[in-house]
PDB file of N, CA and C in Angstrom:
ATOM      1  N   UNK A   1     106.460  51.588  96.864  1.00  0.00           N
ATOM      2  CA  UNK A   1     106.511  53.101  96.894  1.00  0.00           C
ATOM      3  C   UNK A   1     105.493  53.647  97.814  1.00  0.00           C
ATOM      4  N   UNK A   2     104.767  52.809  98.545  1.00  0.00           N
ATOM      5  CA  UNK A   2     103.691  53.408  99.415  1.00  0.00           C
ATOM      6  C   UNK A   2     104.122  53.550 100.989  1.00  0.00           C
ATOM      7  N   UNK A   3     105.073  54.296 101.126  1.00  0.00           N
ATOM      8  CA  UNK A   3     105.609  54.654 102.444  1.00  0.00           C
ATOM      9  C   UNK A   3     105.578  56.215 102.444  1.00  0.00           C
ATOM     10  N   UNK A   4     105.676  56.657 103.663  1.00  0.00           N
ATOM     11  CA  UNK A   4     105.748  58.202 103.755  1.00  0.00           C
ATOM     12  C   UNK A   4     106.977  58.671 103.271  1.00  0.00           C
ATOM     13  N   UNK A   5     106.999  59.760 102.518  1.00  0.00           N
ATOM     14  CA  UNK A   5     108.228  60.337 102.041  1.00  0.00           C
ATOM     15  C   UNK A   5     108.391  61.641 102.753  1.00  0.00           C
ATOM     16  N   UNK A   6     109.391  61.656 103.702  1.00  0.00           N
ATOM     17  CA  UNK A   6     109.570  62.813 104.570  1.00  0.00           C
ATOM     18  C   UNK A   6     111.062  62.934 104.678  1.00  0.00           C
ATOM     19  N   UNK A   7     111.509  64.039 104.218  1.00  0.00           N
ATOM     20  CA  UNK A   7     112.988  64.372 104.381  1.00  0.00           C
ATOM     21  C   UNK A   7     113.478  64.715 105.712  1.00  0.00           C
ATOM     22  N   UNK A   8     112.598  65.379 106.531  1.00  0.00           N
ATOM     23  CA  UNK A   8     113.035  65.799 107.836  1.00  0.00           C
ATOM     24  C   UNK A   8     111.863  65.427 108.859  1.00  0.00           C
ATOM     25  N   UNK A   9     111.683  64.130 109.123  1.00  0.00           N
ATOM     26  CA  UNK A   9     110.691  63.676 110.100  1.00  0.00           C
ATOM     27  C   UNK A   9     111.079  64.134 111.498  1.00  0.00           C
ATOM     28  N   UNK A  10     110.033  64.274 112.255  1.00  0.00           N
ATOM     29  CA  UNK A  10     110.217  64.584 113.705  1.00  0.00           C
ATOM     30  C   UNK A  10     109.733  63.370 114.459  1.00  0.00           C
ATOM     31  N   UNK A  11     110.706  62.705 115.046  1.00  0.00           N
ATOM     32  CA  UNK A  11     110.391  61.497 115.821  1.00  0.00           C
ATOM     33  C   UNK A  11     110.687  61.778 117.223  1.00  0.00           C
ATOM     34  N   UNK A  12     109.787  61.464 118.227  1.00  0.00           N
ATOM     35  CA  UNK A  12     109.957  61.690 119.615  1.00  0.00           C
ATOM     36  C   UNK A  12     111.051  60.873 120.287  1.00  0.00           C
ATOM     37  N   UNK A  13     111.953  61.440 120.922  1.00  0.00           N
ATOM     38  CA  UNK A  13     113.079  60.759 121.564  1.00  0.00           C
ATOM     39  C   UNK A  13     114.299  60.585 120.759  1.00  0.00           C
ATOM     40  N   UNK A  14     114.291  61.204 119.509  1.00  0.00           N
ATOM     41  CA  UNK A  14     115.369  60.960 118.556  1.00  0.00           C
ATOM     42  C   UNK A  14     115.963  62.339 118.315  1.00  0.00           C
ATOM     43  N   UNK A  15     117.353  62.453 118.160  1.00  0.00           N
ATOM     44  CA  UNK A  15     117.947  63.690 117.904  1.00  0.00           C
ATOM     45  C   UNK A  15     117.308  64.416 116.748  1.00  0.00           C
ATOM     46  N   UNK A  16     117.338  65.762 116.832  1.00  0.00           N
ATOM     47  CA  UNK A  16     116.762  66.713 115.862  1.00  0.00           C
ATOM     48  C   UNK A  16     117.174  66.335 114.392  1.00  0.00           C
ATOM     49  N   UNK A  17     118.483  66.064 114.113  1.00  0.00           N
ATOM     50  CA  UNK A  17     118.913  65.866 112.809  1.00  0.00           C
ATOM     51  C   UNK A  17     119.388  64.393 112.620  1.00  0.00           C
ATOM     52  N   UNK A  18     119.115  63.464 113.517  1.00  0.00           N
ATOM     53  CA  UNK A  18     119.544  62.115 113.381  1.00  0.00           C
ATOM     54  C   UNK A  18     118.763  61.378 112.340  1.00  0.00           C
ATOM     55  N   UNK A  19     117.610  61.836 111.986  1.00  0.00           N
ATOM     56  CA  UNK A  19     116.826  61.046 110.978  1.00  0.00           C
ATOM     57  C   UNK A  19     116.592  61.922 109.734  1.00  0.00           C
ATOM     58  N   UNK A  20     117.211  62.982 109.548  1.00  0.00           N
ATOM     59  CA  UNK A  20     117.159  63.870 108.340  1.00  0.00           C
ATOM     60  C   UNK A  20     117.778  63.161 107.185  1.00  0.00           C
ATOM     61  N   UNK A  21     117.109  63.118 106.012  1.00  0.00           N
ATOM     62  CA  UNK A  21     117.763  62.479 104.772  1.00  0.00           C
ATOM     63  C   UNK A  21     118.301  63.504 103.926  1.00  0.00           C
ATOM     64  N   UNK A  22     119.481  63.179 103.243  1.00  0.00           N
ATOM     65  CA  UNK A  22     120.116  64.036 102.289  1.00  0.00           C
ATOM     66  C   UNK A  22     119.378  63.973 100.913  1.00  0.00           C
ATOM     67  N   UNK A  23     118.825  62.824 100.581  1.00  0.00           N
ATOM     68  CA  UNK A  23     118.133  62.657  99.262  1.00  0.00           C
ATOM     69  C   UNK A  23     117.179  61.563  99.389  1.00  0.00           C
ATOM     70  N   UNK A  24     116.181  61.601  98.516  1.00  0.00           N
ATOM     71  CA  UNK A  24     115.245  60.513  98.269  1.00  0.00           C
ATOM     72  C   UNK A  24     115.218  60.202  96.811  1.00  0.00           C
ATOM     73  N   UNK A  25     115.214  58.924  96.396  1.00  0.00           N
ATOM     74  CA  UNK A  25     115.210  58.583  95.051  1.00  0.00           C
ATOM     75  C   UNK A  25     114.060  57.600  94.848  1.00  0.00           C
ATOM     76  N   UNK A  26     113.142  57.773  93.871  1.00  0.00           N
ATOM     77  CA  UNK A  26     112.038  56.848  93.719  1.00  0.00           C
ATOM     78  C   UNK A  26     111.752  56.754  92.250  1.00  0.00           C
ATOM     79  N   UNK A  27     111.056  55.653  91.745  1.00  0.00           N
ATOM     80  CA  UNK A  27     110.764  55.447  90.413  1.00  0.00           C
ATOM     81  C   UNK A  27     109.250  55.745  90.335  1.00  0.00           C
ATOM     82  N   UNK A  28     108.920  56.784  89.540  1.00  0.00           N
ATOM     83  CA  UNK A  28     107.534  57.195  89.302  1.00  0.00           C
ATOM     84  C   UNK A  28     106.618  56.206  88.718  1.00  0.00           C
ATOM     85  N   UNK A  29     107.261  55.269  87.823  1.00  0.00           N
ATOM     86  CA  UNK A  29     106.461  54.394  87.204  1.00  0.00           C
ATOM     87  C   UNK A  29     105.905  53.225  87.997  1.00  0.00           C
ATOM     88  N   UNK A  30     106.299  53.169  89.291  1.00  0.00           N
ATOM     89  CA  UNK A  30     105.836  52.165  90.220  1.00  0.00           C
ATOM     90  C   UNK A  30     104.675  52.615  91.067  1.00  0.00           C
ATOM     91  N   UNK A  31     104.344  53.827  90.844  1.00  0.00           N
ATOM     92  CA  UNK A  31     103.093  54.411  91.544  1.00  0.00           C
ATOM     93  C   UNK A  31     101.861  54.183  90.705  1.00  0.00           C
ATOM     94  N   UNK A  32     100.696  54.050  91.319  1.00  0.00           N
ATOM     95  CA  UNK A  32      99.528  53.855  90.687  1.00  0.00           C
ATOM     96  C   UNK A  32      99.280  55.064  89.735  1.00  0.00           C
ATOM     97  N   UNK A  33      99.046  54.820  88.532  1.00  0.00           N
ATOM     98  CA  UNK A  33      98.869  55.961  87.544  1.00  0.00           C
ATOM     99  C   UNK A  33     100.166  56.560  87.063  1.00  0.00           C
ATOM    100  N   UNK A  34     101.263  55.950  87.443  1.00  0.00           N
ATOM    101  CA  UNK A  34     102.569  56.547  87.003  1.00  0.00           C
ATOM    102  C   UNK A  34     103.279  55.888  85.808  1.00  0.00           C
ATOM    103  N   UNK A  35     102.509  55.177  84.982  1.00  0.00           N
ATOM    104  CA  UNK A  35     103.113  54.484  83.841  1.00  0.00           C
ATOM    105  C   UNK A  35     103.845  55.389  82.934  1.00  0.00           C
ATOM    106  N   UNK A  36     105.056  55.068  82.595  1.00  0.00           N
ATOM    107  CA  UNK A  36     105.953  55.770  81.715  1.00  0.00           C
ATOM    108  C   UNK A  36     106.494  57.077  82.326  1.00  0.00           C
ATOM    109  N   UNK A  37     106.328  57.232  83.643  1.00  0.00           N
ATOM    110  CA  UNK A  37     106.877  58.445  84.268  1.00  0.00           C
ATOM    111  C   UNK A  37     108.327  58.214  84.687  1.00  0.00           C
ATOM    112  N   UNK A  38     109.111  59.279  84.874  1.00  0.00           N
ATOM    113  CA  UNK A  38     110.513  59.172  85.160  1.00  0.00           C
ATOM    114  C   UNK A  38     111.001  58.851  86.484  1.00  0.00           C
ATOM    115  N   UNK A  39     112.115  58.545  86.740  1.00  0.00           N
ATOM    116  CA  UNK A  39     112.657  58.495  88.201  1.00  0.00           C
ATOM    117  C   UNK A  39     112.815  59.871  88.799  1.00  0.00           C
ATOM    118  N   UNK A  40     112.729  59.924  90.096  1.00  0.00           N
ATOM    119  CA  UNK A  40     112.754  61.258  90.669  1.00  0.00           C
ATOM    120  C   UNK A  40     113.868  61.204  91.723  1.00  0.00           C
ATOM    121  N   UNK A  41     114.620  62.281  91.699  1.00  0.00           N
ATOM    122  CA  UNK A  41     115.747  62.566  92.776  1.00  0.00           C
ATOM    123  C   UNK A  41     115.324  63.769  93.439  1.00  0.00           C
ATOM    124  N   UNK A  42     115.120  63.598  94.818  1.00  0.00           N
ATOM    125  CA  UNK A  42     114.745  64.850  95.613  1.00  0.00           C
ATOM    126  C   UNK A  42     116.031  65.064  96.524  1.00  0.00           C
ATOM    127  N   UNK A  43     116.731  66.100  96.431  1.00  0.00           N
ATOM    128  CA  UNK A  43     117.964  66.251  97.168  1.00  0.00           C
ATOM    129  C   UNK A  43     118.074  67.687  97.738  1.00  0.00           C
ATOM    130  N   UNK A  44     118.730  67.825  98.833  1.00  0.00           N
ATOM    131  CA  UNK A  44     118.837  69.194  99.502  1.00  0.00           C
ATOM    132  C   UNK A  44     119.881  69.872  98.593  1.00  0.00           C
ATOM    133  N   UNK A  45     119.617  71.200  98.405  1.00  0.00           N
ATOM    134  CA  UNK A  45     120.379  72.084  97.542  1.00  0.00           C
ATOM    135  C   UNK A  45     121.864  72.109  98.117  1.00  0.00           C
ATOM    136  N   UNK A  46     122.101  71.885  99.389  1.00  0.00           N
ATOM    137  CA  UNK A  46     123.465  72.007  99.910  1.00  0.00           C
ATOM    138  C   UNK A  46     124.322  70.927  99.257  1.00  0.00           C
ATOM    139  N   UNK A  47     123.755  69.859  98.754  1.00  0.00           N
ATOM    140  CA  UNK A  47     124.545  68.781  98.242  1.00  0.00           C
ATOM    141  C   UNK A  47     124.750  68.886  96.741  1.00  0.00           C
ATOM    142  N   UNK A  48     124.346  69.852  96.087  1.00  0.00           N
ATOM    143  CA  UNK A  48     124.393  69.965  94.599  1.00  0.00           C
ATOM    144  C   UNK A  48     125.721  70.621  94.317  1.00  0.00           C
ATOM    145  N   UNK A  49     126.310  70.210  93.169  1.00  0.00           N
ATOM    146  CA  UNK A  49     127.498  70.818  92.638  1.00  0.00           C
ATOM    147  C   UNK A  49     127.264  72.251  92.202  1.00  0.00           C
ATOM    148  N   UNK A  50     128.361  73.022  92.259  1.00  0.00           N
ATOM    149  CA  UNK A  50     128.209  74.410  91.988  1.00  0.00           C
ATOM    150  C   UNK A  50     128.956  74.784  90.550  1.00  0.00           C
ATOM    151  N   UNK A  51     129.409  73.782  89.881  1.00  0.00           N
ATOM    152  CA  UNK A  51     130.179  74.187  88.678  1.00  0.00           C
ATOM    153  C   UNK A  51     129.824  73.232  87.503  1.00  0.00           C
ATOM    154  N   UNK A  52     128.622  73.149  87.058  1.00  0.00           N
ATOM    155  CA  UNK A  52     128.255  72.448  85.926  1.00  0.00           C
ATOM    156  C   UNK A  52     128.291  73.391  84.682  1.00  0.00           C
ATOM    157  N   UNK A  53     128.971  72.973  83.628  1.00  0.00           N
ATOM    158  CA  UNK A  53     129.082  73.759  82.469  1.00  0.00           C
ATOM    159  C   UNK A  53     127.857  73.799  81.615  1.00  0.00           C
ATOM    160  N   UNK A  54     127.354  75.053  81.377  1.00  0.00           N
ATOM    161  CA  UNK A  54     126.026  75.088  80.535  1.00  0.00           C
ATOM    162  C   UNK A  54     126.466  75.091  79.100  1.00  0.00           C
ATOM    163  N   UNK A  55     127.470  75.753  78.762  1.00  0.00           N
ATOM    164  CA  UNK A  55     127.928  76.035  77.300  1.00  0.00           C
ATOM    165  C   UNK A  55     129.418  75.873  77.271  1.00  0.00           C
ATOM    166  N   UNK A  56     130.049  75.072  76.474  1.00  0.00           N
ATOM    167  CA  UNK A  56     131.442  74.901  76.436  1.00  0.00           C
ATOM    168  C   UNK A  56     131.877  75.322  75.131  1.00  0.00           C
ATOM    169  N   UNK A  57     132.524  76.433  74.892  1.00  0.00           N
ATOM    170  CA  UNK A  57     133.228  76.839  73.744  1.00  0.00           C
ATOM    171  C   UNK A  57     134.677  76.751  73.947  1.00  0.00           C
ATOM    172  N   UNK A  58     135.503  76.974  72.894  1.00  0.00           N
ATOM    173  CA  UNK A  58     136.855  76.902  73.054  1.00  0.00           C
ATOM    174  C   UNK A  58     137.519  77.645  74.089  1.00  0.00           C
ATOM    175  N   UNK A  59     137.228  78.918  74.240  1.00  0.00           N
ATOM    176  CA  UNK A  59     137.802  79.832  75.331  1.00  0.00           C
ATOM    177  C   UNK A  59     136.805  80.364  76.283  1.00  0.00           C
ATOM    178  N   UNK A  60     135.586  79.892  76.209  1.00  0.00           N
ATOM    179  CA  UNK A  60     134.500  80.380  77.030  1.00  0.00           C
ATOM    180  C   UNK A  60     133.755  79.204  77.727  1.00  0.00           C
ATOM    181  N   UNK A  61     133.474  79.446  79.068  1.00  0.00           N
ATOM    182  CA  UNK A  61     132.574  78.462  79.709  1.00  0.00           C
ATOM    183  C   UNK A  61     131.569  79.188  80.399  1.00  0.00           C
ATOM    184  N   UNK A  62     130.341  78.823  80.221  1.00  0.00           N
ATOM    185  CA  UNK A  62     129.192  79.518  80.888  1.00  0.00           C
ATOM    186  C   UNK A  62     128.589  78.584  81.907  1.00  0.00           C
ATOM    187  N   UNK A  63     128.510  78.910  83.128  1.00  0.00           N
ATOM    188  CA  UNK A  63     127.881  78.030  84.142  1.00  0.00           C
ATOM    189  C   UNK A  63     126.550  78.543  84.457  1.00  0.00           C
ATOM    190  N   UNK A  64     125.676  77.583  84.680  1.00  0.00           N
ATOM    191  CA  UNK A  64     124.299  77.891  85.121  1.00  0.00           C
ATOM    192  C   UNK A  64     124.286  78.159  86.649  1.00  0.00           C
ATOM    193  N   UNK A  65     123.412  79.140  87.036  1.00  0.00           N
ATOM    194  CA  UNK A  65     123.427  79.443  88.486  1.00  0.00           C
ATOM    195  C   UNK A  65     122.238  78.653  89.165  1.00  0.00           C
ATOM    196  N   UNK A  66     121.291  78.369  88.531  1.00  0.00           N
ATOM    197  CA  UNK A  66     120.109  77.630  89.073  1.00  0.00           C
ATOM    198  C   UNK A  66     120.547  76.128  89.300  1.00  0.00           C
ATOM    199  N   UNK A  67     120.607  75.675  90.491  1.00  0.00           N
ATOM    200  CA  UNK A  67     121.006  74.154  90.729  1.00  0.00           C
ATOM    201  C   UNK A  67     120.043  73.243  90.081  1.00  0.00           C
ATOM    202  N   UNK A  68     118.825  73.592  90.068  1.00  0.00           N
ATOM    203  CA  UNK A  68     117.858  72.602  89.453  1.00  0.00           C
ATOM    204  C   UNK A  68     118.157  72.386  88.009  1.00  0.00           C
ATOM    205  N   UNK A  69     118.439  73.566  87.217  1.00  0.00           N
ATOM    206  CA  UNK A  69     118.848  73.414  85.885  1.00  0.00           C
ATOM    207  C   UNK A  69     120.219  72.795  85.641  1.00  0.00           C
ATOM    208  N   UNK A  70     121.166  73.070  86.622  1.00  0.00           N
ATOM    209  CA  UNK A  70     122.535  72.296  86.385  1.00  0.00           C
ATOM    210  C   UNK A  70     122.383  70.827  86.501  1.00  0.00           C
ATOM    211  N   UNK A  71     121.409  70.317  87.255  1.00  0.00           N
ATOM    212  CA  UNK A  71     121.472  68.850  87.357  1.00  0.00           C
ATOM    213  C   UNK A  71     120.559  68.131  86.330  1.00  0.00           C
ATOM    214  N   UNK A  72     119.847  68.905  85.602  1.00  0.00           N
ATOM    215  CA  UNK A  72     118.909  68.336  84.575  1.00  0.00           C
ATOM    216  C   UNK A  72     119.702  68.048  83.289  1.00  0.00           C
ATOM    217  N   UNK A  73     119.584  66.847  82.691  1.00  0.00           N
ATOM    218  CA  UNK A  73     120.274  66.629  81.557  1.00  0.00           C
ATOM    219  C   UNK A  73     119.384  66.313  80.392  1.00  0.00           C
ATOM    220  N   UNK A  74     119.668  66.662  79.157  1.00  0.00           N
ATOM    221  CA  UNK A  74     118.868  66.358  78.032  1.00  0.00           C
ATOM    222  C   UNK A  74     117.539  67.120  78.088  1.00  0.00           C
ATOM    223  N   UNK A  75     116.577  66.552  77.215  1.00  0.00           N
ATOM    224  CA  UNK A  75     115.333  67.056  77.032  1.00  0.00           C
ATOM    225  C   UNK A  75     114.455  66.361  78.035  1.00  0.00           C
ATOM    226  N   UNK A  76     113.723  67.210  78.896  1.00  0.00           N
ATOM    227  CA  UNK A  76     112.880  66.606  79.899  1.00  0.00           C
ATOM    228  C   UNK A  76     111.550  66.047  79.254  1.00  0.00           C
ATOM    229  N   UNK A  77     111.040  64.869  79.826  1.00  0.00           N
ATOM    230  CA  UNK A  77     109.840  64.437  79.292  1.00  0.00           C
ATOM    231  C   UNK A  77     108.633  65.177  80.092  1.00  0.00           C
ATOM    232  N   UNK A  78     108.112  66.153  79.441  1.00  0.00           N
ATOM    233  CA  UNK A  78     107.136  67.134  80.109  1.00  0.00           C
ATOM    234  C   UNK A  78     105.882  66.317  80.592  1.00  0.00           C
ATOM    235  N   UNK A  79     105.277  65.561  79.613  1.00  0.00           N
ATOM    236  CA  UNK A  79     104.096  64.891  79.917  1.00  0.00           C
ATOM    237  C   UNK A  79     104.360  63.859  80.931  1.00  0.00           C
ATOM    238  N   UNK A  80     105.497  63.051  80.787  1.00  0.00           N
ATOM    239  CA  UNK A  80     105.815  61.978  81.776  1.00  0.00           C
ATOM    240  C   UNK A  80     106.039  62.606  83.250  1.00  0.00           C
ATOM    241  N   UNK A  81     106.736  63.732  83.188  1.00  0.00           N
ATOM    242  CA  UNK A  81     106.986  64.406  84.507  1.00  0.00           C
ATOM    243  C   UNK A  81     105.679  64.827  85.167  1.00  0.00           C
ATOM    244  N   UNK A  82     104.655  65.431  84.435  1.00  0.00           N
ATOM    245  CA  UNK A  82     103.490  65.826  84.985  1.00  0.00           C
ATOM    246  C   UNK A  82     102.630  64.541  85.473  1.00  0.00           C
ATOM    247  N   UNK A  83     102.697  63.460  84.619  1.00  0.00           N
ATOM    248  CA  UNK A  83     102.077  62.185  85.101  1.00  0.00           C
ATOM    249  C   UNK A  83     102.625  61.663  86.455  1.00  0.00           C
ATOM    250  N   UNK A  84     103.992  61.824  86.629  1.00  0.00           N
ATOM    251  CA  UNK A  84     104.637  61.437  87.841  1.00  0.00           C
ATOM    252  C   UNK A  84     104.085  62.230  89.045  1.00  0.00           C
ATOM    253  N   UNK A  85     104.137  63.640  88.758  1.00  0.00           N
ATOM    254  CA  UNK A  85     103.467  64.450  89.786  1.00  0.00           C
ATOM    255  C   UNK A  85     102.103  64.100  90.270  1.00  0.00           C
ATOM    256  N   UNK A  86     101.253  63.745  89.233  1.00  0.00           N
ATOM    257  CA  UNK A  86      99.928  63.456  89.436  1.00  0.00           C
ATOM    258  C   UNK A  86      99.845  62.166  90.302  1.00  0.00           C
ATOM    259  N   UNK A  87     100.739  61.148  89.926  1.00  0.00           N
ATOM    260  CA  UNK A  87     100.686  59.834  90.553  1.00  0.00           C
ATOM    261  C   UNK A  87     101.086  60.067  92.138  1.00  0.00           C
ATOM    262  N   UNK A  88     102.046  60.972  92.398  1.00  0.00           N
ATOM    263  CA  UNK A  88     102.483  61.167  93.787  1.00  0.00           C
ATOM    264  C   UNK A  88     101.368  61.930  94.388  1.00  0.00           C
ATOM    265  N   UNK A  89     100.737  62.876  93.771  1.00  0.00           N
ATOM    266  CA  UNK A  89      99.618  63.555  94.345  1.00  0.00           C
ATOM    267  C   UNK A  89      98.553  62.571  94.760  1.00  0.00           C
ATOM    268  N   UNK A  90      98.254  61.584  93.849  1.00  0.00           N
ATOM    269  CA  UNK A  90      97.179  60.599  94.188  1.00  0.00           C
ATOM    270  C   UNK A  90      97.527  59.766  95.403  1.00  0.00           C
ATOM    271  N   UNK A  91      98.828  59.359  95.447  1.00  0.00           N
ATOM    272  CA  UNK A  91      99.283  58.583  96.559  1.00  0.00           C
ATOM    273  C   UNK A  91      99.123  59.386  97.898  1.00  0.00           C
ATOM    274  N   UNK A  92      99.527  60.753  97.907  1.00  0.00           N
ATOM    275  CA  UNK A  92      99.461  61.568  99.058  1.00  0.00           C
ATOM    276  C   UNK A  92      97.981  61.682  99.506  1.00  0.00           C
ATOM    277  N   UNK A  93      96.946  61.833  98.412  1.00  0.00           N
ATOM    278  CA  UNK A  93      95.589  62.068  98.831  1.00  0.00           C
ATOM    279  C   UNK A  93      94.963  60.885  99.437  1.00  0.00           C
ATOM    280  N   UNK A  94      95.362  59.708  98.856  1.00  0.00           N
ATOM    281  CA  UNK A  94      94.795  58.337  99.390  1.00  0.00           C
ATOM    282  C   UNK A  94      95.407  58.052 100.686  1.00  0.00           C
ATOM    283  N   UNK A  95      96.647  58.493 100.906  1.00  0.00           N
ATOM    284  CA  UNK A  95      97.470  58.254 102.107  1.00  0.00           C
ATOM    285  C   UNK A  95      98.132  56.884 102.063  1.00  0.00           C
ATOM    286  N   UNK A  96      99.354  56.844 102.471  1.00  0.00           N
ATOM    287  CA  UNK A  96     100.211  55.669 102.415  1.00  0.00           C
ATOM    288  C   UNK A  96      99.598  54.623 103.366  1.00  0.00           C
ATOM    289  N   UNK A  97      99.019  55.000 104.452  1.00  0.00           N
ATOM    290  CA  UNK A  97      98.493  54.099 105.493  1.00  0.00           C
ATOM    291  C   UNK A  97      97.177  53.338 104.894  1.00  0.00           C
ATOM    292  N   UNK A  98      96.411  54.100 104.142  1.00  0.00           N
ATOM    293  CA  UNK A  98      95.183  53.438 103.490  1.00  0.00           C
ATOM    294  C   UNK A  98      95.724  52.377 102.510  1.00  0.00           C
ATOM    295  N   UNK A  99      96.743  52.768 101.707  1.00  0.00           N
ATOM    296  CA  UNK A  99      97.184  51.817 100.699  1.00  0.00           C
ATOM    297  C   UNK A  99      97.815  50.548 101.336  1.00  0.00           C
ATOM    298  N   UNK A 100      98.615  50.757 102.365  1.00  0.00           N
ATOM    299  CA  UNK A 100      99.214  49.549 103.050  1.00  0.00           C
ATOM    300  C   UNK A 100      98.113  48.743 103.689  1.00  0.00           C
ATOM    301  N   UNK A 101      97.060  49.354 104.293  1.00  0.00           N
ATOM    302  CA  UNK A 101      95.995  48.597 104.903  1.00  0.00           C
ATOM    303  C   UNK A 101      95.296  47.841 103.821  1.00  0.00           C
ATOM    304  N   UNK A 102      94.974  48.393 102.701  1.00  0.00           N
ATOM    305  CA  UNK A 102      94.208  47.600 101.606  1.00  0.00           C
ATOM    306  C   UNK A 102      95.114  46.629 101.093  1.00  0.00           C
ATOM    307  N   UNK A 103      96.377  46.817 100.904  1.00  0.00           N
ATOM    308  CA  UNK A 103      97.277  45.713 100.375  1.00  0.00           C
ATOM    309  C   UNK A 103      97.383  44.563 101.341  1.00  0.00           C
ATOM    310  N   UNK A 104      97.364  44.957 102.637  1.00  0.00           N
ATOM    311  CA  UNK A 104      97.394  43.737 103.668  1.00  0.00           C
ATOM    312  C   UNK A 104      96.141  42.912 103.495  1.00  0.00           C
ATOM    313  N   UNK A 105      95.017  43.526 103.276  1.00  0.00           N
ATOM    314  CA  UNK A 105      93.747  42.819 103.092  1.00  0.00           C
ATOM    315  C   UNK A 105      93.747  41.849 101.942  1.00  0.00           C
ATOM    316  N   UNK A 106      94.284  42.429 100.816  1.00  0.00           N
ATOM    317  CA  UNK A 106      94.368  41.746  99.662  1.00  0.00           C
ATOM    318  C   UNK A 106      95.323  40.510  99.612  1.00  0.00           C
ATOM    319  N   UNK A 107      96.556  40.716 100.256  1.00  0.00           N
ATOM    320  CA  UNK A 107      97.592  39.746 100.382  1.00  0.00           C
ATOM    321  C   UNK A 107      97.326  38.890 101.539  1.00  0.00           C
TER     322      UNK A 107
END
């Protein structure tokens, strides 16, 4: 998990959109300090569905307008999600390069 996470990197000599990612998926529990944290999907809004049913009754369907809420299922693990955010923040503060350098010295 210790690589740079950049959805739209700018690389010299490469086309503007050639390296853009549509989504990034990672496991929060694999990060230092991320035990019991959830998996994470980071996706561009343009790829999200627009017709998820929020409430389904016999003759009435209510659709959520917020794409983030549409894609969320069940009850979110609030503490676990906060832990995941803190683990990612720790990784960003230490920097991926410093972690890889340290790992190379150990291994």
